[in-house]
Structure formats: structure tokens, C-alpha cells
Amino acid sequence: MDVSYINPFIISTIETFQKMLNCEVKPGKVVLKNNDKHSYDVSGIIGLSGEAQGSICLSFPKLIALKVVSKLTGIEIKIVGPDLSDAIGELANIIAGNAKQHLTQFNLSISLPKVIMGADHKIASQRGVPTIVVPFICPLGDFIMEVSLKTPEVKKKGK
């Protein structure tokens, strides 16, 4: 996977948090996920299909997810439930939709969001597809984005 395909997702996350939450987030060091050592409490996942396949996942510790959704909705959310799930799913959907605009060469479609809630769950990656982990530093609390995208191999001239 060409890591330049990750940039639209990073830019979209920064812009979405700025516009919708009035919150400045900064990406940390991008790393290749090579194990399941990361565990989370709330994850919003969007499937990607078309000429490239994969997923984008936003994952938060529970308290950070509650703060993010409270800021997003303007209503203090104190419990993990349907309101939290809906908002995290919508946030992932907005970020994926905005990133999709910059990946038109793949004619991508995005799935409906899926939200996984539960202490210390792990996000498995599709076998044979690299997953890039992007940590984000946020005043509301840090979170991560995982992007896994299988892109078509570019054939070199003369081969």
C-alpha cells in the first residue's frame, strides 16, 4: 500500500474535528500495525470497496469517546449507549466520505458504519493487507485511526 493513500484520511480527520468540534487535532507518528497490541473501548469502522478494498477505523478510550460525542452534539453524554454509538459511527462516516473525494482513482464506495463497543476489544486486520495506525493528539484526549487499504498493483512499463 502506498502510504500517500493515507493522507486523505489524516487530512479529513483534522478538518472534521476542526469544523465539527472546533478542536485542533494533530497526527502523531504513523506506524505499520504488526500485532494486536492496541485495544480500545469504542471503535467506528467504515468498509471501503471498489478498485481498492479495506476499511477505516476510529478508535477511542471510553472516556474520550464520551467527551468527543458530547462536544459534537452539544449535549453531555455520560453513558455508553445508542447516542454514543450513532455519533461515533457518523463521525467515521464523515471522515471516510471526505477522504473518498481525494481517492477518486479507486471509484470507492463506503459502507454503513459499524460501531464496536466493549472494553479492550481489538481490531483485526484483513490478512495480507497492511494496516497503518495514525495516533491523534487531541485536547479532548488521544485516539487512533487505522487505515487498511488494498490498492491495485501498478504495473511497470516493459513488464
Protein backbone atom coordinates (compact mmCIF):
# COMPACT_ATOMS: atom_id res chain seq x y z
CA MET A 1 0.00 0.00 0.00
CA ASP A 2 1.26 3.43 -0.94
CA VAL A 3 1.19 5.49 2.28
CA SER A 4 0.17 8.56 0.26
CA TYR A 5 -3.29 6.98 0.23
CA ILE A 6 -3.42 7.56 3.98
CA ASN A 7 -3.06 11.36 3.68
CA PRO A 8 -6.69 11.98 2.63
CA PHE A 9 -7.86 10.18 5.79
CA ILE A 10 -5.48 12.18 8.00
CA ILE A 11 -6.49 15.48 6.39
CA SER A 12 -10.17 14.59 6.63
CA THR A 13 -9.83 13.76 10.33
CA ILE A 14 -8.08 17.07 11.05
CA GLU A 15 -10.65 19.06 9.06
CA THR A 16 -13.66 17.21 10.52
CA PHE A 17 -12.55 17.75 14.12
CA GLN A 18 -11.80 21.42 13.37
CA LYS A 19 -15.14 22.13 11.64
CA MET A 20 -17.49 19.97 13.69
CA LEU A 21 -15.91 20.06 17.15
CA ASN A 22 -13.85 23.26 16.95
CA CYS A 23 -10.99 21.09 18.11
CA GLU A 24 -7.46 21.03 16.74
CA VAL A 25 -6.09 17.51 16.39
CA LYS A 26 -2.57 16.65 15.35
CA PRO A 27 -1.41 13.37 13.87
CA GLY A 28 1.40 11.57 15.64
CA LYS A 29 3.95 9.21 14.14
CA VAL A 30 2.36 6.90 11.58
CA VAL A 31 3.26 3.24 12.15
CA LEU A 32 2.58 -0.05 10.43
CA LYS A 33 0.41 -2.27 12.60
CA ASN A 34 2.23 -5.54 13.11
CA ASN A 35 0.29 -7.03 16.02
CA ASP A 36 -2.90 -6.67 18.01
CA LYS A 37 -1.31 -4.85 20.95
CA HIS A 38 -3.73 -1.92 20.61
CA SER A 39 -7.02 -2.34 22.43
CA TYR A 40 -9.94 0.06 22.58
CA ASP A 41 -13.34 0.70 24.11
CA VAL A 42 -15.27 2.31 21.23
CA SER A 43 -14.49 1.91 17.51
CA GLY A 44 -16.30 3.20 14.44
CA ILE A 45 -15.50 1.21 11.30
CA ILE A 46 -16.29 2.01 7.66
CA GLY A 47 -15.71 -0.57 4.94
CA LEU A 48 -14.26 0.58 1.62
CA SER A 49 -14.88 -1.20 -1.67
CA GLY A 50 -14.30 -0.55 -5.35
CA GLU A 51 -10.99 -0.66 -7.16
CA ALA A 52 -9.38 -0.64 -3.70
CA GLN A 53 -10.73 -2.52 -0.69
CA GLY A 54 -10.28 -2.10 3.02
CA SER A 55 -11.50 -0.16 5.99
CA ILE A 56 -11.01 2.88 8.15
CA CYS A 57 -11.44 2.62 11.88
CA LEU A 58 -11.55 5.38 14.51
CA SER A 59 -10.92 4.01 18.00
CA PHE A 60 -11.25 5.75 21.34
CA PRO A 61 -10.96 5.01 25.03
CA LYS A 62 -14.47 5.18 26.54
CA LEU A 63 -13.98 8.49 28.38
CA ILE A 64 -12.53 10.16 25.27
CA ALA A 65 -15.41 8.89 23.11
CA LEU A 66 -17.89 10.36 25.60
CA LYS A 67 -16.09 13.73 25.54
CA VAL A 68 -15.88 13.78 21.73
CA VAL A 69 -19.56 12.95 21.28
CA SER A 70 -20.60 15.45 23.97
CA LYS A 71 -18.67 18.17 22.15
CA LEU A 72 -20.05 17.05 18.76
CA THR A 73 -23.69 17.03 19.88
CA GLY A 74 -23.58 19.91 22.36
CA ILE A 75 -25.23 17.60 24.91
CA GLU A 76 -23.31 15.94 27.72
CA ILE A 77 -23.27 12.20 27.06
CA LYS A 78 -22.47 10.25 30.22
CA ILE A 79 -23.25 6.66 29.31
CA VAL A 80 -22.16 4.24 26.62
CA GLY A 81 -25.29 3.59 24.60
CA PRO A 82 -27.11 4.26 21.32
CA ASP A 83 -26.34 8.01 21.25
CA LEU A 84 -22.63 7.35 21.58
CA SER A 85 -22.72 4.57 19.00
CA ASP A 86 -24.66 6.66 16.46
CA ALA A 87 -22.35 9.66 16.83
CA ILE A 88 -19.10 7.67 16.58
CA GLY A 89 -20.46 5.89 13.50
CA GLU A 90 -21.43 9.19 11.91
CA LEU A 91 -18.03 10.72 12.69
CA ALA A 92 -16.29 7.77 10.98
CA ASN A 93 -18.73 8.09 8.05
CA ILE A 94 -17.99 11.80 7.59
CA ILE A 95 -14.23 11.27 7.70
CA ALA A 96 -14.37 8.38 5.20
CA GLY A 97 -16.73 10.31 2.91
CA ASN A 98 -14.48 13.37 2.87
CA ALA A 99 -11.36 11.27 2.25
CA LYS A 100 -13.13 9.42 -0.58
CA GLN A 101 -13.28 12.69 -2.55
CA HIS A 102 -9.47 12.63 -2.78
CA LEU A 103 -9.27 8.99 -3.84
CA THR A 104 -11.44 9.16 -6.96
CA GLN A 105 -8.97 7.00 -8.92
CA PHE A 106 -10.30 3.97 -6.98
CA ASN A 107 -14.02 4.62 -7.56
CA LEU A 108 -14.61 3.83 -3.87
CA SER A 109 -17.89 3.04 -2.19
CA ILE A 110 -18.22 3.28 1.58
CA SER A 111 -20.31 1.01 3.73
CA LEU A 112 -22.64 1.97 6.51
CA PRO A 113 -20.72 2.48 9.74
CA LYS A 114 -20.31 -0.32 12.24
CA VAL A 115 -19.56 0.52 15.84
CA ILE A 116 -17.93 -1.88 18.25
CA MET A 117 -18.21 -1.10 21.94
CA GLY A 118 -16.65 -3.10 24.71
CA ALA A 119 -13.66 -2.79 26.99
CA ASP A 120 -10.33 -3.78 25.49
CA HIS A 121 -11.61 -5.04 22.15
CA LYS A 122 -9.11 -5.49 19.33
CA ILE A 123 -9.50 -4.66 15.65
CA ALA A 124 -8.33 -7.47 13.38
CA SER A 125 -6.81 -6.66 10.02
CA GLN A 126 -7.54 -8.34 6.71
CA ARG A 127 -4.88 -10.95 6.06
CA GLY A 128 -2.25 -9.79 3.59
CA VAL A 129 -3.34 -6.15 3.71
CA PRO A 130 -1.14 -3.72 5.62
CA THR A 131 -2.78 -1.56 8.27
CA ILE A 132 -1.44 1.89 9.02
CA VAL A 133 -2.02 3.24 12.54
CA VAL A 134 -2.24 7.01 12.93
CA PRO A 135 -2.35 8.27 16.52
CA PHE A 136 -4.03 11.65 17.01
CA ILE A 137 -3.31 14.11 19.79
CA CYS A 138 -6.48 15.91 20.79
CA PRO A 139 -7.32 18.34 23.62
CA LEU A 140 -10.27 16.08 24.48
CA GLY A 141 -7.96 13.05 24.68
CA ASP A 142 -5.90 11.00 22.28
CA PHE A 143 -7.35 8.47 19.84
CA ILE A 144 -6.20 6.48 16.84
CA MET A 145 -7.21 5.83 13.28
CA GLU A 146 -6.37 2.60 11.48
CA VAL A 147 -6.47 2.54 7.70
CA SER A 148 -6.23 -0.72 5.81
CA LEU A 149 -6.44 -0.36 2.05
CA LYS A 150 -5.57 -2.93 -0.59
CA THR A 151 -4.81 -0.96 -3.73
CA PRO A 152 -4.25 -2.33 -7.24
CA GLU A 153 -0.64 -3.00 -8.05
CA VAL A 154 0.83 -0.55 -10.52
CA LYS A 155 2.44 -2.35 -13.45
CA LYS A 156 5.78 -1.02 -14.52
CA LYS A 157 6.45 -0.30 -18.18
CA GLY A 158 8.14 -3.10 -20.03
CA LYS A 159 6.91 -5.84 -17.66
